[in-house]
């Protein structure tokens, strides 16, 4: 399982959560102007499982 943090075509920050089999299981649902805001969304979903890696693209 991993989070993928990226910029979309409108240069907004977004994230997607992928399962171990690389299937998409969640996404941010909205774009963020600031990378820190997108990361905060990841941490909210992550909860106490801080071992889930975040990959950037």
N, C-alpha and C. Protein backbone atom coordinates (compact mmCIF):
# COMPACT_ATOMS: atom_id res chain seq x y z
N UNK A 1 0.84 -1.16 0.00
CA UNK A 1 0.00 0.00 0.00
C UNK A 1 0.90 1.24 0.00
N UNK A 2 0.48 2.26 -0.76
CA UNK A 2 1.24 3.50 -0.77
C UNK A 2 0.35 4.65 -1.24
N UNK A 3 0.73 5.86 -0.84
CA UNK A 3 0.09 7.07 -1.32
C UNK A 3 0.92 7.63 -2.47
N UNK A 4 0.26 8.15 -3.48
CA UNK A 4 0.93 8.80 -4.59
C UNK A 4 0.50 10.27 -4.59
N UNK A 5 1.45 11.17 -4.40
CA UNK A 5 1.22 12.61 -4.34
C UNK A 5 1.71 13.23 -5.64
N UNK A 6 0.85 14.00 -6.30
CA UNK A 6 1.22 14.52 -7.62
C UNK A 6 0.48 15.82 -7.91
N UNK A 7 0.89 16.49 -8.99
CA UNK A 7 0.21 17.68 -9.49
C UNK A 7 -0.59 17.30 -10.73
N UNK A 8 -1.82 17.80 -10.79
CA UNK A 8 -2.66 17.52 -11.96
C UNK A 8 -2.42 18.54 -13.06
N UNK A 9 -3.20 18.49 -14.12
CA UNK A 9 -3.00 19.39 -15.27
C UNK A 9 -3.21 20.86 -14.91
N UNK A 10 -4.02 21.12 -13.90
CA UNK A 10 -4.28 22.49 -13.45
C UNK A 10 -3.25 22.94 -12.40
N UNK A 11 -2.21 22.11 -12.20
CA UNK A 11 -1.14 22.35 -11.23
C UNK A 11 -1.62 22.36 -9.79
N UNK A 12 -2.72 21.65 -9.54
CA UNK A 12 -3.23 21.45 -8.19
C UNK A 12 -2.60 20.17 -7.63
N UNK A 13 -2.37 20.14 -6.32
CA UNK A 13 -1.83 18.94 -5.67
C UNK A 13 -2.96 17.97 -5.37
N UNK A 14 -2.74 16.70 -5.66
CA UNK A 14 -3.70 15.63 -5.40
C UNK A 14 -2.96 14.40 -4.88
N UNK A 15 -3.71 13.49 -4.29
CA UNK A 15 -3.11 12.22 -3.86
C UNK A 15 -4.07 11.07 -4.19
N UNK A 16 -3.47 9.90 -4.34
CA UNK A 16 -4.22 8.67 -4.57
C UNK A 16 -3.61 7.60 -3.67
N UNK A 17 -4.47 6.79 -3.06
CA UNK A 17 -4.02 5.67 -2.24
C UNK A 17 -4.18 4.39 -3.04
N UNK A 18 -3.08 3.64 -3.19
CA UNK A 18 -3.08 2.38 -3.91
C UNK A 18 -2.86 1.21 -2.96
N UNK A 19 -3.56 0.11 -3.22
CA UNK A 19 -3.39 -1.12 -2.45
C UNK A 19 -2.11 -1.82 -2.89
N UNK A 20 -1.76 -2.88 -2.20
CA UNK A 20 -0.56 -3.64 -2.53
C UNK A 20 -0.60 -4.20 -3.95
N UNK A 21 -1.81 -4.47 -4.46
CA UNK A 21 -1.95 -4.98 -5.84
C UNK A 21 -2.03 -3.85 -6.87
N UNK A 22 -1.72 -2.62 -6.45
CA UNK A 22 -1.69 -1.42 -7.30
C UNK A 22 -3.08 -0.98 -7.79
N UNK A 23 -4.12 -1.42 -7.11
CA UNK A 23 -5.47 -0.96 -7.43
C UNK A 23 -5.77 0.28 -6.59
N UNK A 24 -6.39 1.26 -7.23
CA UNK A 24 -6.74 2.51 -6.56
C UNK A 24 -7.85 2.25 -5.55
N UNK A 25 -7.65 2.69 -4.30
CA UNK A 25 -8.68 2.48 -3.29
C UNK A 25 -9.21 3.79 -2.70
N UNK A 26 -8.52 4.90 -2.92
CA UNK A 26 -9.01 6.21 -2.45
C UNK A 26 -8.24 7.31 -3.17
N UNK A 27 -8.86 8.50 -3.22
CA UNK A 27 -8.15 9.66 -3.75
C UNK A 27 -8.60 10.91 -3.01
N UNK A 28 -7.92 12.01 -3.28
CA UNK A 28 -8.19 13.25 -2.57
C UNK A 28 -9.56 13.83 -2.90
N UNK A 29 -10.08 13.55 -4.07
CA UNK A 29 -11.39 14.05 -4.44
C UNK A 29 -11.40 15.52 -4.80
N UNK A 30 -10.34 16.23 -4.51
CA UNK A 30 -10.23 17.65 -4.85
C UNK A 30 -8.76 18.01 -4.99
N UNK A 31 -8.49 19.10 -5.67
CA UNK A 31 -7.13 19.59 -5.81
C UNK A 31 -6.82 20.59 -4.72
N UNK A 32 -5.57 20.68 -4.36
CA UNK A 32 -5.11 21.62 -3.33
C UNK A 32 -4.10 22.58 -3.94
N UNK A 33 -4.19 23.84 -3.57
CA UNK A 33 -3.22 24.83 -4.04
C UNK A 33 -1.85 24.62 -3.41
N UNK A 34 -1.83 24.15 -2.17
CA UNK A 34 -0.58 23.98 -1.44
C UNK A 34 -0.28 22.50 -1.21
N UNK A 35 0.95 22.14 -1.44
CA UNK A 35 1.39 20.75 -1.22
C UNK A 35 1.14 20.32 0.21
N UNK A 36 1.39 21.23 1.15
CA UNK A 36 1.20 20.91 2.57
C UNK A 36 -0.25 20.54 2.88
N UNK A 37 -1.20 21.17 2.20
CA UNK A 37 -2.61 20.84 2.41
C UNK A 37 -2.92 19.43 1.91
N UNK A 38 -2.36 19.06 0.77
CA UNK A 38 -2.56 17.71 0.25
C UNK A 38 -1.91 16.69 1.18
N UNK A 39 -0.74 17.00 1.70
CA UNK A 39 -0.07 16.10 2.63
C UNK A 39 -0.90 15.95 3.91
N UNK A 40 -1.50 17.02 4.36
CA UNK A 40 -2.36 16.95 5.54
C UNK A 40 -3.52 15.99 5.30
N UNK A 41 -4.11 16.05 4.10
CA UNK A 41 -5.18 15.11 3.76
C UNK A 41 -4.71 13.67 3.81
N UNK A 42 -3.49 13.43 3.35
CA UNK A 42 -2.92 12.09 3.41
C UNK A 42 -2.80 11.64 4.86
N UNK A 43 -2.29 12.52 5.72
CA UNK A 43 -2.10 12.16 7.13
C UNK A 43 -3.42 11.91 7.84
N UNK A 44 -4.49 12.61 7.43
CA UNK A 44 -5.80 12.34 8.00
C UNK A 44 -6.28 10.94 7.66
N UNK A 45 -6.06 10.53 6.41
CA UNK A 45 -6.46 9.18 5.98
C UNK A 45 -5.55 8.14 6.61
N UNK A 46 -4.27 8.46 6.70
CA UNK A 46 -3.28 7.54 7.22
C UNK A 46 -3.54 7.21 8.69
N UNK A 47 -3.99 8.18 9.46
CA UNK A 47 -4.25 7.96 10.88
C UNK A 47 -2.99 7.59 11.62
N UNK A 48 -3.05 6.52 12.38
CA UNK A 48 -1.90 6.10 13.17
C UNK A 48 -0.96 5.18 12.41
N UNK A 49 -1.32 4.79 11.18
CA UNK A 49 -0.48 3.91 10.38
C UNK A 49 0.51 4.75 9.57
N UNK A 50 1.48 5.32 10.25
CA UNK A 50 2.42 6.24 9.60
C UNK A 50 3.50 5.52 8.80
N UNK A 51 3.42 4.21 8.71
CA UNK A 51 4.43 3.46 7.96
C UNK A 51 4.10 3.39 6.46
N UNK A 52 2.90 3.83 6.07
CA UNK A 52 2.53 3.81 4.65
C UNK A 52 3.36 4.83 3.89
N UNK A 53 4.12 4.41 2.89
CA UNK A 53 4.98 5.35 2.16
C UNK A 53 4.20 6.33 1.28
N UNK A 54 4.79 7.49 1.06
CA UNK A 54 4.25 8.50 0.16
C UNK A 54 5.24 8.65 -0.99
N UNK A 55 4.77 8.36 -2.19
CA UNK A 55 5.60 8.52 -3.39
C UNK A 55 5.16 9.79 -4.11
N UNK A 56 6.11 10.49 -4.68
CA UNK A 56 5.79 11.71 -5.42
C UNK A 56 6.06 11.53 -6.90
N UNK A 57 5.23 12.18 -7.67
CA UNK A 57 5.42 12.09 -9.11
C UNK A 57 5.26 13.42 -9.77
